[in-house]
Amino acid sequence: MAEPFYADFDGLPSRTNGREAWVYSGGVWREINSTSHGANSQPLSKQSFDQCFPNTPPLPPEAFKDS
């Protein structure tokens, strides 16, 4: 499995691998529709992601388990 990439989803930190997408909003990570994510996100490098979203916690353990 490829490492999920970093993205800005409508101003929110997110990660996706193309089949599964997660967004951090309201203090929690939640899974969202990957098609919606693809249409409304901007890929970021890890460095840009960390600069834009410096206090984002790690993904939950269940993220990308089946992808």
Protein backbone atom coordinates (compact mmCIF):
# COMPACT_ATOMS: atom_id res chain seq x y z
CA MET A 1 0.00 0.00 0.00
CA ALA A 2 1.25 3.47 -0.87
CA GLU A 3 1.63 5.97 1.93
CA PRO A 4 -1.45 8.25 2.09
CA PHE A 5 -0.63 11.72 0.83
CA TYR A 6 -1.25 15.03 2.56
CA ALA A 7 -3.85 17.51 1.40
CA ASP A 8 -5.84 20.64 2.17
CA PHE A 9 -9.55 19.79 1.98
CA ASP A 10 -11.46 23.09 1.86
CA GLY A 11 -9.08 24.57 4.45
CA LEU A 12 -8.92 21.46 6.64
CA PRO A 13 -6.04 19.01 7.05
CA SER A 14 -6.64 15.71 5.31
CA ARG A 15 -4.98 12.50 4.14
CA THR A 16 -5.94 10.19 1.28
CA ASN A 17 -4.67 7.29 -0.75
CA GLY A 18 -7.25 7.73 -3.52
CA ARG A 19 -9.61 5.04 -2.19
CA GLU A 20 -10.00 6.28 1.38
CA ALA A 21 -9.92 9.85 2.72
CA TRP A 22 -9.79 11.33 6.21
CA VAL A 23 -10.27 14.94 7.31
CA TYR A 24 -9.50 16.54 10.67
CA SER A 25 -12.35 18.80 11.75
CA GLY A 26 -13.81 19.81 15.09
CA GLY A 27 -11.01 18.11 16.99
CA VAL A 28 -11.50 14.66 15.44
CA TRP A 29 -10.42 12.73 12.38
CA ARG A 30 -13.37 11.41 10.35
CA GLU A 31 -13.55 9.39 7.18
CA ILE A 32 -15.11 11.14 4.20
CA ASN A 33 -16.05 10.21 0.65
CA SER A 34 -12.85 9.86 -1.36
CA THR A 35 -14.48 11.17 -4.56
CA SER A 36 -15.58 14.34 -2.77
CA HIS A 37 -12.11 14.67 -1.31
CA GLY A 38 -10.51 14.36 -4.73
CA ALA A 39 -12.73 17.08 -6.16
CA ASN A 40 -12.27 19.51 -3.26
CA SER A 41 -8.68 19.11 -2.10
CA GLN A 42 -5.24 20.39 -2.93
CA PRO A 43 -2.29 18.00 -2.48
CA LEU A 44 0.44 19.24 -0.15
CA SER A 45 3.97 18.16 0.62
CA LYS A 46 4.57 16.95 4.19
CA GLN A 47 6.47 20.18 4.86
CA SER A 48 3.63 22.38 3.55
CA PHE A 49 1.06 20.32 5.46
CA ASP A 50 3.03 20.77 8.70
CA GLN A 51 3.34 24.52 8.08
CA CYS A 52 -0.36 24.97 7.25
CA PHE A 53 -1.66 22.63 9.96
CA PRO A 54 1.04 22.54 12.68
CA ASN A 55 -1.00 20.98 15.49
CA THR A 56 -2.76 18.20 13.61
CA PRO A 57 -2.69 14.95 15.62
CA PRO A 58 -1.82 11.58 14.06
CA LEU A 59 -4.47 9.65 12.16
CA PRO A 60 -6.57 7.23 14.22
CA PRO A 61 -5.47 3.57 14.23
CA GLU A 62 -8.36 2.50 11.98
CA ALA A 63 -7.36 4.87 9.16
CA PHE A 64 -6.19 3.09 6.00
CA LYS A 65 -6.37 -0.39 7.57
CA ASP A 66 -8.26 -1.90 4.63
CA SER A 67 -6.80 0.19 1.81
